[in-house]
């Protein structure tokens, strides 16, 4: 596969979009001159006890080993109730509804939570991916488009990229079977000898 869907980084669009996902936060201190973060308030300051949904990249700056200005509430999709749903049958779950960047955002959350919670999230992500991978590969080689759109609409971004890569490989295999991928051409030497023979025959005539 030539997909870059696993490569996270500062300039990676997928990583940037995942870091925009929001986390519910409750402020443990007063924060002066930051009231603009709360569009429902006209106060210039954020008061202690205020609850805001903030993007991951901002939460990471105010909730880490050095600073814990807020308490965070994990998105419900990454809590035990939904872990159990995915464990029961991950293939029927609409993962895009749970988040367009479900896997990527889940990996980012590991930087915020305690070790035991992080391990549970990591296990769920891995188990979910393993369960759905074969189904995604089957979809990528499917030629019946009647139910294909509905199935693809349940994939998150990472899975969609894998589907696209699988589809390219499946189409390439079909072309290879039909001998459309690369046709054998005579070598330059054979072509030159053939042309030379034709000229000789023409001169003899």
N, C-alpha and C. Protein backbone atom coordinates (compact mmCIF):
# COMPACT_ATOMS: atom_id res chain seq x y z
N UNK A 1 0.83 -1.20 0.00
CA UNK A 1 0.00 0.00 0.00
C UNK A 1 0.87 1.26 0.00
N UNK A 2 0.40 2.26 -0.73
CA UNK A 2 1.16 3.49 -0.79
C UNK A 2 0.52 4.59 0.05
N UNK A 3 -0.48 4.21 0.81
CA UNK A 3 -1.19 5.19 1.62
C UNK A 3 -0.33 5.68 2.77
N UNK A 4 -0.47 6.98 3.11
CA UNK A 4 0.27 7.57 4.23
C UNK A 4 -0.61 7.68 5.46
N UNK A 5 -1.66 6.84 5.54
CA UNK A 5 -2.65 7.04 6.59
C UNK A 5 -2.11 6.70 7.98
N UNK A 6 -0.93 6.10 8.09
CA UNK A 6 -0.39 5.78 9.40
C UNK A 6 0.68 6.76 9.84
N UNK A 7 1.02 7.73 9.00
CA UNK A 7 2.12 8.61 9.28
C UNK A 7 1.64 9.90 9.93
N UNK A 8 1.77 9.97 11.24
CA UNK A 8 1.38 11.19 11.94
C UNK A 8 2.55 12.15 11.99
N UNK A 9 2.26 13.43 12.07
CA UNK A 9 3.33 14.41 12.12
C UNK A 9 2.79 15.82 12.07
N UNK A 10 3.68 16.77 12.28
CA UNK A 10 3.30 18.18 12.38
C UNK A 10 2.62 18.67 11.10
N UNK A 11 3.09 18.21 9.94
CA UNK A 11 2.56 18.69 8.67
C UNK A 11 1.55 17.72 8.06
N UNK A 12 1.16 16.69 8.81
CA UNK A 12 0.21 15.72 8.30
C UNK A 12 -1.21 16.22 8.49
N UNK A 13 -1.95 16.37 7.38
CA UNK A 13 -3.30 16.92 7.43
C UNK A 13 -4.22 16.06 8.29
N UNK A 14 -4.07 14.75 8.17
CA UNK A 14 -4.91 13.84 8.95
C UNK A 14 -4.68 14.05 10.45
N UNK A 15 -3.43 14.23 10.84
CA UNK A 15 -3.10 14.44 12.24
C UNK A 15 -3.63 15.80 12.72
N UNK A 16 -3.53 16.80 11.86
CA UNK A 16 -4.03 18.14 12.21
C UNK A 16 -5.54 18.10 12.42
N UNK A 17 -6.25 17.42 11.52
CA UNK A 17 -7.70 17.34 11.64
C UNK A 17 -8.11 16.57 12.89
N UNK A 18 -7.37 15.51 13.21
CA UNK A 18 -7.69 14.73 14.42
C UNK A 18 -7.50 15.56 15.67
N UNK A 19 -6.49 16.43 15.65
CA UNK A 19 -6.22 17.26 16.83
C UNK A 19 -7.25 18.37 17.02
N UNK A 20 -8.16 18.54 16.04
CA UNK A 20 -9.24 19.52 16.17
C UNK A 20 -10.44 18.95 16.92
N UNK A 21 -10.47 17.63 17.11
CA UNK A 21 -11.57 17.00 17.84
C UNK A 21 -11.64 17.56 19.26
N UNK A 22 -12.85 17.72 19.79
CA UNK A 22 -13.03 18.43 21.05
C UNK A 22 -13.19 17.50 22.25
N UNK A 23 -12.75 18.01 23.40
CA UNK A 23 -12.82 17.29 24.66
C UNK A 23 -13.51 18.19 25.68
N UNK A 24 -14.42 17.62 26.45
CA UNK A 24 -15.12 18.38 27.48
C UNK A 24 -14.18 18.62 28.67
N UNK A 25 -14.06 19.90 29.08
CA UNK A 25 -13.13 20.28 30.15
C UNK A 25 -13.85 21.11 31.22
N UNK A 26 -13.46 20.90 32.46
CA UNK A 26 -13.95 21.71 33.57
C UNK A 26 -12.76 22.42 34.20
N UNK A 27 -12.80 23.76 34.22
CA UNK A 27 -11.66 24.54 34.71
C UNK A 27 -11.58 24.48 36.24
N UNK A 28 -10.36 24.22 36.73
CA UNK A 28 -10.10 24.11 38.15
C UNK A 28 -9.58 25.41 38.75
N UNK A 29 -9.28 26.39 37.91
CA UNK A 29 -8.78 27.69 38.37
C UNK A 29 -9.43 28.79 37.52
N UNK A 30 -9.34 30.02 38.01
CA UNK A 30 -9.74 31.18 37.20
C UNK A 30 -8.63 31.48 36.20
N UNK A 31 -9.02 31.74 34.97
CA UNK A 31 -8.03 32.06 33.93
C UNK A 31 -8.34 33.44 33.38
N UNK A 32 -7.49 34.44 33.68
CA UNK A 32 -7.77 35.80 33.22
C UNK A 32 -7.57 35.97 31.72
N UNK A 33 -8.39 36.87 31.15
CA UNK A 33 -8.25 37.30 29.76
C UNK A 33 -8.44 36.18 28.73
N UNK A 34 -9.11 35.10 29.12
CA UNK A 34 -9.34 34.00 28.19
C UNK A 34 -10.83 33.71 28.00
N UNK A 35 -11.64 34.67 28.39
CA UNK A 35 -13.09 34.50 28.29
C UNK A 35 -13.59 34.33 26.87
N UNK A 36 -12.80 34.77 25.89
CA UNK A 36 -13.23 34.66 24.50
C UNK A 36 -13.38 33.19 24.06
N UNK A 37 -12.79 32.28 24.83
CA UNK A 37 -12.93 30.86 24.51
C UNK A 37 -14.35 30.36 24.72
N UNK A 38 -15.09 31.07 25.57
CA UNK A 38 -16.47 30.71 25.87
C UNK A 38 -17.40 31.66 25.14
N UNK A 39 -17.94 31.22 24.03
CA UNK A 39 -18.79 32.10 23.20
C UNK A 39 -20.11 32.44 23.88
N UNK A 40 -20.49 31.69 24.91
CA UNK A 40 -21.76 31.94 25.60
C UNK A 40 -21.61 32.92 26.76
N UNK A 41 -20.36 33.34 27.03
CA UNK A 41 -20.11 34.24 28.16
C UNK A 41 -19.61 35.59 27.66
N UNK A 42 -19.99 36.64 28.41
CA UNK A 42 -19.51 37.99 28.08
C UNK A 42 -18.39 38.42 29.02
N UNK A 43 -17.97 37.51 29.89
CA UNK A 43 -16.89 37.79 30.85
C UNK A 43 -15.54 37.67 30.14
N UNK A 44 -14.62 38.55 30.49
CA UNK A 44 -13.29 38.49 29.87
C UNK A 44 -12.44 37.38 30.47
N UNK A 45 -12.86 36.83 31.60
CA UNK A 45 -12.11 35.76 32.27
C UNK A 45 -12.90 34.47 32.26
N UNK A 46 -12.18 33.37 32.37
CA UNK A 46 -12.82 32.07 32.55
C UNK A 46 -12.87 31.78 34.05
N UNK A 47 -14.06 31.54 34.55
CA UNK A 47 -14.24 31.31 35.98
C UNK A 47 -13.99 29.85 36.34
N UNK A 48 -13.57 29.63 37.57
CA UNK A 48 -13.40 28.28 38.06
C UNK A 48 -14.74 27.53 38.01
N UNK A 49 -14.71 26.29 37.56
CA UNK A 49 -15.93 25.51 37.41
C UNK A 49 -16.57 25.61 36.04
N UNK A 50 -16.05 26.51 35.19
CA UNK A 50 -16.59 26.65 33.83
C UNK A 50 -16.34 25.38 33.04
N UNK A 51 -17.32 25.00 32.21
CA UNK A 51 -17.18 23.81 31.38
C UNK A 51 -17.16 24.23 29.91
N UNK A 52 -16.13 23.80 29.21
CA UNK A 52 -15.97 24.13 27.80
C UNK A 52 -15.54 22.90 27.01
N UNK A 53 -15.95 22.85 25.77
CA UNK A 53 -15.45 21.82 24.85
C UNK A 53 -14.30 22.44 24.05
N UNK A 54 -13.11 21.94 24.28
CA UNK A 54 -11.92 22.52 23.67
C UNK A 54 -11.24 21.51 22.75
N UNK A 55 -10.58 22.00 21.69
CA UNK A 55 -9.87 21.08 20.79
C UNK A 55 -8.68 20.42 21.49
N UNK A 56 -8.34 19.25 21.03
CA UNK A 56 -7.28 18.47 21.67
C UNK A 56 -5.98 19.26 21.78
N UNK A 57 -5.60 19.98 20.70
CA UNK A 57 -4.30 20.66 20.70
C UNK A 57 -4.23 21.71 21.81
N UNK A 58 -5.38 22.30 22.19
CA UNK A 58 -5.39 23.27 23.27
C UNK A 58 -5.42 22.58 24.63
N UNK A 59 -6.19 21.50 24.72
CA UNK A 59 -6.26 20.75 25.98
C UNK A 59 -4.89 20.22 26.36
N UNK A 60 -4.13 19.78 25.38
CA UNK A 60 -2.80 19.22 25.65
C UNK A 60 -1.89 20.25 26.31
N UNK A 61 -2.12 21.54 26.01
CA UNK A 61 -1.27 22.59 26.57
C UNK A 61 -1.64 22.95 28.00
N UNK A 62 -2.89 22.67 28.40
CA UNK A 62 -3.32 23.06 29.75
C UNK A 62 -3.61 21.85 30.65
N UNK A 63 -3.40 20.66 30.09
CA UNK A 63 -3.60 19.45 30.88
C UNK A 63 -2.47 18.47 30.55
N UNK A 64 -1.41 18.55 31.35
CA UNK A 64 -0.25 17.69 31.14
C UNK A 64 0.46 17.49 32.46
N UNK A 65 1.67 16.95 32.43
CA UNK A 65 2.41 16.66 33.66
C UNK A 65 2.76 17.94 34.43
N UNK A 66 2.99 19.03 33.73
CA UNK A 66 3.38 20.29 34.38
C UNK A 66 2.16 21.09 34.84
N UNK A 67 1.12 21.13 34.01
CA UNK A 67 -0.05 21.95 34.32
C UNK A 67 -1.31 21.11 34.22
N UNK A 68 -2.18 21.30 35.18
CA UNK A 68 -3.50 20.68 35.13
C UNK A 68 -4.52 21.75 35.53
N UNK A 69 -4.77 22.64 34.58
CA UNK A 69 -5.71 23.73 34.80
C UNK A 69 -7.15 23.25 34.71
N UNK A 70 -7.34 22.07 34.12
CA UNK A 70 -8.70 21.56 33.90
C UNK A 70 -8.77 20.08 34.27
N UNK A 71 -9.99 19.61 34.46
CA UNK A 71 -10.28 18.18 34.50
C UNK A 71 -10.96 17.84 33.18
N UNK A 72 -10.58 16.71 32.61
CA UNK A 72 -11.16 16.35 31.31
C UNK A 72 -12.14 15.20 31.46
N UNK A 73 -13.11 15.20 30.56
CA UNK A 73 -14.08 14.11 30.49
C UNK A 73 -13.93 13.48 29.11
N UNK A 74 -13.49 12.24 29.08
CA UNK A 74 -13.26 11.57 27.80
C UNK A 74 -14.52 11.55 26.95
N UNK A 75 -14.38 11.71 25.64
CA UNK A 75 -15.54 11.53 24.76
C UNK A 75 -16.17 10.16 24.98
N UNK A 76 -17.49 10.09 24.93
CA UNK A 76 -18.19 8.86 25.30
C UNK A 76 -17.79 7.67 24.43
N UNK A 77 -17.34 7.95 23.20
CA UNK A 77 -16.97 6.86 22.30
C UNK A 77 -15.77 6.07 22.80
N UNK A 78 -15.02 6.65 23.71
CA UNK A 78 -13.81 5.99 24.20
C UNK A 78 -13.98 5.48 25.64
N UNK A 79 -15.22 5.43 26.10
CA UNK A 79 -15.50 4.92 27.45
C UNK A 79 -15.92 3.46 27.38
N UNK A 80 -16.04 2.83 28.56
CA UNK A 80 -16.25 1.39 28.65
C UNK A 80 -17.52 0.93 27.93
N UNK A 81 -18.58 1.71 27.99
CA UNK A 81 -19.84 1.29 27.38
C UNK A 81 -19.64 1.01 25.89
N UNK A 82 -18.94 1.90 25.22
CA UNK A 82 -18.71 1.71 23.78
C UNK A 82 -17.58 0.73 23.53
N UNK A 83 -16.68 0.56 24.48
CA UNK A 83 -15.69 -0.51 24.37
C UNK A 83 -16.40 -1.85 24.26
N UNK A 84 -17.41 -2.02 25.11
CA UNK A 84 -18.16 -3.28 25.13
C UNK A 84 -18.93 -3.50 23.83
N UNK A 85 -19.47 -2.43 23.26
CA UNK A 85 -20.20 -2.53 21.99
C UNK A 85 -19.26 -2.97 20.88
N UNK A 86 -18.09 -2.36 20.82
CA UNK A 86 -17.11 -2.71 19.79
C UNK A 86 -16.59 -4.13 19.99
N UNK A 87 -16.47 -4.53 21.24
CA UNK A 87 -15.99 -5.88 21.53
C UNK A 87 -17.01 -6.91 21.08
N UNK A 88 -18.30 -6.58 21.19
CA UNK A 88 -19.36 -7.51 20.81
C UNK A 88 -19.36 -7.76 19.30
N UNK A 89 -19.34 -6.70 18.50
CA UNK A 89 -19.30 -6.85 17.04
C UNK A 89 -18.91 -5.51 16.42
N UNK A 90 -17.63 -5.32 16.21
CA UNK A 90 -17.13 -4.04 15.70
C UNK A 90 -17.53 -3.80 14.25
N UNK A 91 -17.80 -4.86 13.51
CA UNK A 91 -18.04 -4.72 12.07
C UNK A 91 -19.37 -4.02 11.75
N UNK A 92 -20.32 -4.05 12.67
CA UNK A 92 -21.63 -3.45 12.39
C UNK A 92 -21.72 -2.00 12.88
N UNK A 93 -20.68 -1.54 13.56
CA UNK A 93 -20.71 -0.20 14.15
C UNK A 93 -20.41 0.86 13.10
N UNK A 94 -21.15 1.97 13.15
CA UNK A 94 -20.88 3.12 12.27
C UNK A 94 -19.76 3.93 12.92
N UNK A 95 -18.53 3.66 12.51
CA UNK A 95 -17.38 4.28 13.15
C UNK A 95 -17.27 5.76 12.81
N UNK A 96 -17.74 6.12 11.63
CA UNK A 96 -17.67 7.54 11.24
C UNK A 96 -18.57 8.39 12.13
N UNK A 97 -19.69 7.82 12.57
CA UNK A 97 -20.58 8.55 13.47
C UNK A 97 -19.91 8.76 14.83
N UNK A 98 -19.03 7.84 15.20
CA UNK A 98 -18.30 7.96 16.46
C UNK A 98 -17.14 8.94 16.35
N UNK A 99 -16.82 9.32 15.13
CA UNK A 99 -15.75 10.30 14.92
C UNK A 99 -15.08 10.04 13.59
N UNK A 100 -14.98 11.06 12.72
CA UNK A 100 -14.36 10.86 11.41
C UNK A 100 -12.90 10.43 11.49
N UNK A 101 -12.27 10.74 12.62
CA UNK A 101 -10.87 10.34 12.85
C UNK A 101 -10.79 9.50 14.12
N UNK A 102 -11.61 8.47 14.19
CA UNK A 102 -11.76 7.69 15.42
C UNK A 102 -10.43 7.12 15.90
N UNK A 103 -9.68 6.48 15.02
CA UNK A 103 -8.41 5.86 15.43
C UNK A 103 -7.37 6.92 15.79
N UNK A 104 -7.23 7.91 14.94
CA UNK A 104 -6.20 8.94 15.15
C UNK A 104 -6.45 9.72 16.45
N UNK A 105 -7.70 10.09 16.67
CA UNK A 105 -8.02 10.84 17.89
C UNK A 105 -7.83 9.94 19.11
N UNK A 106 -8.17 8.67 18.99
CA UNK A 106 -7.97 7.74 20.09
C UNK A 106 -6.51 7.62 20.48
N UNK A 107 -5.64 7.60 19.48
CA UNK A 107 -4.20 7.54 19.75
C UNK A 107 -3.73 8.82 20.44
N UNK A 108 -4.26 9.96 20.02
CA UNK A 108 -3.89 11.23 20.65
C UNK A 108 -4.33 11.26 22.12
N UNK A 109 -5.48 10.68 22.41
CA UNK A 109 -5.99 10.69 23.79
C UNK A 109 -5.07 9.93 24.75
N UNK A 110 -4.28 9.02 24.21
CA UNK A 110 -3.37 8.25 25.07
C UNK A 110 -2.37 9.17 25.76
N UNK A 111 -2.13 10.35 25.19
CA UNK A 111 -1.19 11.31 25.79
C UNK A 111 -1.79 12.03 26.99
N UNK A 112 -3.11 11.91 27.17
CA UNK A 112 -3.78 12.68 28.23
C UNK A 112 -4.21 11.83 29.42
N UNK A 113 -4.49 10.57 29.18
CA UNK A 113 -5.13 9.75 30.21
C UNK A 113 -4.10 8.95 31.01
N UNK A 114 -4.57 8.40 32.14
CA UNK A 114 -3.71 7.57 32.96
C UNK A 114 -3.41 6.25 32.26
N UNK A 115 -2.37 5.57 32.72
CA UNK A 115 -1.87 4.38 32.02
C UNK A 115 -2.93 3.30 31.85
N UNK A 116 -3.67 2.99 32.91
CA UNK A 116 -4.66 1.91 32.82
C UNK A 116 -5.78 2.25 31.85
N UNK A 117 -6.22 3.51 31.85
CA UNK A 117 -7.26 3.94 30.90
C UNK A 117 -6.70 3.91 29.48
N UNK A 118 -5.46 4.37 29.35
CA UNK A 118 -4.81 4.37 28.04
C UNK A 118 -4.68 2.97 27.46
N UNK A 119 -4.35 2.01 28.32
CA UNK A 119 -4.24 0.62 27.86
C UNK A 119 -5.58 0.09 27.37
N UNK A 120 -6.65 0.44 28.06
CA UNK A 120 -7.98 0.00 27.63
C UNK A 120 -8.36 0.60 26.28
N UNK A 121 -8.04 1.89 26.11
CA UNK A 121 -8.32 2.54 24.82
C UNK A 121 -7.50 1.89 23.71
N UNK A 122 -6.21 1.67 23.98
CA UNK A 122 -5.31 1.09 22.98
C UNK A 122 -5.78 -0.31 22.58
N UNK A 123 -6.17 -1.11 23.56
CA UNK A 123 -6.65 -2.47 23.26
C UNK A 123 -7.91 -2.42 22.41
N UNK A 124 -8.81 -1.49 22.74
CA UNK A 124 -10.06 -1.37 21.98
C UNK A 124 -9.79 -0.95 20.55
N UNK A 125 -8.90 0.02 20.36
CA UNK A 125 -8.56 0.47 19.00
C UNK A 125 -7.98 -0.68 18.19
N UNK A 126 -7.06 -1.41 18.78
CA UNK A 126 -6.41 -2.52 18.07
C UNK A 126 -7.40 -3.62 17.75
N UNK A 127 -8.23 -3.98 18.73
CA UNK A 127 -9.21 -5.04 18.53
C UNK A 127 -10.22 -4.64 17.47
N UNK A 128 -10.67 -3.40 17.51
CA UNK A 128 -11.63 -2.88 16.53
C UNK A 128 -11.03 -2.92 15.13
N UNK A 129 -9.80 -2.47 14.99
CA UNK A 129 -9.15 -2.44 13.68
C UNK A 129 -8.98 -3.85 13.12
N UNK A 130 -8.55 -4.77 13.96
CA UNK A 130 -8.36 -6.15 13.52
C UNK A 130 -9.68 -6.76 13.05
N UNK A 131 -10.75 -6.49 13.79
CA UNK A 131 -12.06 -7.07 13.46
C UNK A 131 -12.60 -6.54 12.13
N UNK A 132 -12.32 -5.27 11.84
CA UNK A 132 -12.91 -4.62 10.68
C UNK A 132 -12.03 -4.70 9.43
N UNK A 133 -10.75 -5.04 9.61
CA UNK A 133 -9.80 -4.98 8.49
C UNK A 133 -10.21 -5.91 7.35
N UNK A 134 -10.51 -7.17 7.67
CA UNK A 134 -10.89 -8.12 6.62
C UNK A 134 -12.14 -7.66 5.88
N UNK A 135 -13.10 -7.10 6.62
CA UNK A 135 -14.32 -6.58 6.00
C UNK A 135 -13.98 -5.46 5.03
N UNK A 136 -13.05 -4.59 5.40
CA UNK A 136 -12.65 -3.47 4.53
C UNK A 136 -12.00 -4.01 3.26
N UNK A 137 -11.14 -5.04 3.40
CA UNK A 137 -10.50 -5.63 2.23
C UNK A 137 -11.53 -6.29 1.31
N UNK A 138 -12.54 -6.92 1.90
CA UNK A 138 -13.61 -7.52 1.09
C UNK A 138 -14.37 -6.44 0.32
N UNK A 139 -14.62 -5.31 0.98
CA UNK A 139 -15.33 -4.21 0.32
C UNK A 139 -14.52 -3.66 -0.85
N UNK A 140 -13.20 -3.58 -0.68
CA UNK A 140 -12.35 -2.98 -1.71
C UNK A 140 -12.33 -3.81 -3.00
N UNK A 141 -12.63 -5.11 -2.89
CA UNK A 141 -12.64 -5.97 -4.08
C UNK A 141 -14.06 -6.27 -4.56
N UNK A 142 -15.04 -5.65 -3.92
CA UNK A 142 -16.44 -5.91 -4.27
C UNK A 142 -16.83 -5.16 -5.53
N UNK A 143 -17.54 -5.82 -6.42
CA UNK A 143 -17.96 -5.19 -7.68
C UNK A 143 -19.44 -4.81 -7.67
N UNK A 144 -20.19 -5.35 -6.70
CA UNK A 144 -21.61 -5.01 -6.58
C UNK A 144 -21.74 -3.71 -5.78
N UNK A 145 -22.15 -2.63 -6.46
CA UNK A 145 -22.16 -1.30 -5.84
C UNK A 145 -23.48 -0.98 -5.13
N UNK A 146 -24.42 -1.89 -5.10
CA UNK A 146 -25.73 -1.58 -4.54
C UNK A 146 -25.65 -1.27 -3.04
N UNK A 147 -24.92 -2.07 -2.30
CA UNK A 147 -24.80 -1.85 -0.86
C UNK A 147 -23.44 -1.30 -0.46
N UNK A 148 -22.61 -1.02 -1.46
CA UNK A 148 -21.24 -0.60 -1.18
C UNK A 148 -21.18 0.77 -0.53
N UNK A 149 -21.99 1.71 -1.03
CA UNK A 149 -21.96 3.08 -0.49
C UNK A 149 -22.34 3.10 0.98
N UNK A 150 -23.36 2.34 1.35
CA UNK A 150 -23.81 2.30 2.74
C UNK A 150 -22.71 1.76 3.64
N UNK A 151 -22.01 0.73 3.18
CA UNK A 151 -20.94 0.13 3.99
C UNK A 151 -19.76 1.09 4.13
N UNK A 152 -19.39 1.77 3.04
CA UNK A 152 -18.25 2.69 3.07
C UNK A 152 -18.54 3.89 3.96
N UNK A 153 -19.80 4.31 4.02
CA UNK A 153 -20.16 5.48 4.83
C UNK A 153 -19.97 5.24 6.32
N UNK A 154 -19.74 3.99 6.73
CA UNK A 154 -19.53 3.67 8.13
C UNK A 154 -18.05 3.61 8.49
N UNK A 155 -17.18 3.88 7.53
CA UNK A 155 -15.74 3.82 7.77
C UNK A 155 -15.22 5.18 8.23
N UNK A 156 -14.24 5.18 9.13
CA UNK A 156 -13.61 6.45 9.50
C UNK A 156 -12.54 6.78 8.45
N UNK A 157 -11.82 7.86 8.63
CA UNK A 157 -10.88 8.33 7.60
C UNK A 157 -9.78 7.29 7.34
N UNK A 158 -9.20 6.75 8.39
CA UNK A 158 -8.12 5.76 8.23
C UNK A 158 -8.62 4.55 7.45
N UNK A 159 -9.80 4.06 7.81
CA UNK A 159 -10.35 2.90 7.12
C UNK A 159 -10.68 3.23 5.66
N UNK A 160 -11.15 4.44 5.40
CA UNK A 160 -11.46 4.85 4.03
C UNK A 160 -10.20 4.86 3.18
N UNK A 161 -9.08 5.33 3.75
CA UNK A 161 -7.82 5.33 3.03
C UNK A 161 -7.36 3.90 2.74
N UNK A 162 -7.55 3.01 3.69
CA UNK A 162 -7.19 1.60 3.48
C UNK A 162 -8.07 1.00 2.39
N UNK A 163 -9.36 1.34 2.41
CA UNK A 163 -10.29 0.87 1.38
C UNK A 163 -9.83 1.32 -0.01
N UNK A 164 -9.45 2.59 -0.13
CA UNK A 164 -9.00 3.12 -1.41
C UNK A 164 -7.74 2.41 -1.90
N UNK A 165 -6.81 2.18 -0.97
CA UNK A 165 -5.57 1.49 -1.33
C UNK A 165 -5.87 0.05 -1.77
N UNK A 166 -6.78 -0.61 -1.05
CA UNK A 166 -7.17 -1.97 -1.42
C UNK A 166 -7.85 -2.02 -2.78
N UNK A 167 -8.64 -0.99 -3.07
CA UNK A 167 -9.34 -0.93 -4.35
C UNK A 167 -8.35 -0.77 -5.51
N UNK A 168 -7.33 0.05 -5.30
CA UNK A 168 -6.29 0.23 -6.32
C UNK A 168 -5.59 -1.10 -6.59
N UNK A 169 -5.24 -1.81 -5.51
CA UNK A 169 -4.56 -3.10 -5.67
C UNK A 169 -5.48 -4.11 -6.35
N UNK A 170 -6.77 -4.12 -5.98
CA UNK A 170 -7.72 -5.07 -6.58
C UNK A 170 -7.88 -4.80 -8.08
N UNK A 171 -7.99 -3.52 -8.45
CA UNK A 171 -8.12 -3.17 -9.86
C UNK A 171 -6.84 -3.52 -10.63
N UNK A 172 -5.70 -3.31 -9.97
CA UNK A 172 -4.43 -3.68 -10.60
C UNK A 172 -4.33 -5.18 -10.84
N UNK A 173 -4.85 -5.98 -9.90
CA UNK A 173 -4.82 -7.43 -10.06
C UNK A 173 -5.71 -7.87 -11.21
N UNK A 174 -6.88 -7.22 -11.32
CA UNK A 174 -7.80 -7.55 -12.42
C UNK A 174 -7.15 -7.22 -13.76
N UNK A 175 -6.49 -6.09 -13.83
CA UNK A 175 -5.80 -5.69 -15.07
C UNK A 175 -4.69 -6.68 -15.40
N UNK A 176 -4.00 -7.15 -14.37
CA UNK A 176 -2.93 -8.13 -14.59
C UNK A 176 -3.51 -9.43 -15.12
N UNK A 177 -4.65 -9.87 -14.55
CA UNK A 177 -5.29 -11.09 -15.03
C UNK A 177 -5.70 -10.98 -16.49
N UNK A 178 -6.10 -9.78 -16.90
CA UNK A 178 -6.54 -9.56 -18.28
C UNK A 178 -5.36 -9.24 -19.19
N UNK A 179 -4.18 -9.26 -18.62
CA UNK A 179 -2.95 -8.93 -19.36
C UNK A 179 -2.97 -7.50 -19.89
N UNK A 180 -3.63 -6.60 -19.12
CA UNK A 180 -3.70 -5.20 -19.52
C UNK A 180 -2.62 -4.36 -18.83
N UNK A 181 -2.00 -4.97 -17.84
CA UNK A 181 -1.06 -4.19 -17.01
C UNK A 181 0.18 -3.80 -17.80
N UNK A 182 0.77 -4.77 -18.46
CA UNK A 182 1.94 -4.49 -19.29
C UNK A 182 1.99 -5.52 -20.41
N UNK A 183 2.03 -5.07 -21.63
CA UNK A 183 2.08 -5.95 -22.77
C UNK A 183 3.53 -6.13 -23.22
N UNK A 184 3.86 -7.39 -23.56
CA UNK A 184 5.22 -7.68 -24.00
C UNK A 184 5.45 -7.09 -25.38
N UNK A 185 6.54 -6.38 -25.53
CA UNK A 185 6.90 -5.78 -26.81
C UNK A 185 8.20 -6.40 -27.30
N UNK A 186 8.36 -6.51 -28.61
CA UNK A 186 9.62 -7.07 -29.14
C UNK A 186 10.78 -6.15 -28.81
N UNK A 187 11.95 -6.75 -28.62
CA UNK A 187 13.13 -5.96 -28.27
C UNK A 187 13.57 -5.11 -29.45
N UNK A 188 14.42 -4.15 -29.18
CA UNK A 188 14.93 -3.25 -30.23
C UNK A 188 15.69 -4.03 -31.29
N UNK A 189 16.45 -5.05 -30.84
CA UNK A 189 17.26 -5.84 -31.78
C UNK A 189 16.36 -6.61 -32.73
N UNK A 190 15.31 -7.24 -32.18
CA UNK A 190 14.38 -7.99 -33.03
C UNK A 190 13.71 -7.08 -34.03
N UNK A 191 13.27 -5.89 -33.59
CA UNK A 191 12.62 -4.94 -34.48
C UNK A 191 13.56 -4.47 -35.58
N UNK A 192 14.83 -4.21 -35.20
CA UNK A 192 15.82 -3.75 -36.18
C UNK A 192 16.10 -4.82 -37.23
N UNK A 193 16.22 -6.08 -36.78
CA UNK A 193 16.47 -7.18 -37.73
C UNK A 193 15.29 -7.37 -38.67
N UNK A 194 14.08 -7.20 -38.12
CA UNK A 194 12.88 -7.35 -38.94
C UNK A 194 12.82 -6.28 -40.02
N UNK A 195 13.12 -5.03 -39.64
CA UNK A 195 13.11 -3.93 -40.61
C UNK A 195 14.19 -4.12 -41.67
N UNK A 196 15.36 -4.63 -41.22
CA UNK A 196 16.47 -4.86 -42.15
C UNK A 196 16.10 -5.92 -43.17
N UNK A 197 15.41 -6.98 -42.72
CA UNK A 197 14.99 -8.07 -43.60
C UNK A 197 13.99 -7.56 -44.62
N UNK A 198 13.08 -6.66 -44.18
CA UNK A 198 12.10 -6.11 -45.10
C UNK A 198 12.77 -5.29 -46.19
N UNK A 199 13.80 -4.47 -45.80
CA UNK A 199 14.51 -3.65 -46.79
C UNK A 199 15.25 -4.53 -47.78
N UNK A 200 15.82 -5.62 -47.29
CA UNK A 200 16.57 -6.53 -48.17
C UNK A 200 15.65 -7.18 -49.18
N UNK A 201 14.49 -7.63 -48.70
CA UNK A 201 13.51 -8.24 -49.58
C UNK A 201 13.00 -7.25 -50.62
N UNK A 202 12.84 -5.98 -50.21
CA UNK A 202 12.36 -4.94 -51.11
C UNK A 202 13.39 -4.66 -52.20
N UNK A 203 14.68 -4.65 -51.85
CA UNK A 203 15.76 -4.39 -52.81
C UNK A 203 15.89 -5.53 -53.82
N UNK A 204 15.67 -6.76 -53.34
CA UNK A 204 15.77 -7.92 -54.23
C UNK A 204 14.67 -7.91 -55.27
N UNK A 205 13.50 -7.35 -54.83
CA UNK A 205 12.40 -7.29 -55.79
C UNK A 205 12.68 -6.25 -56.87
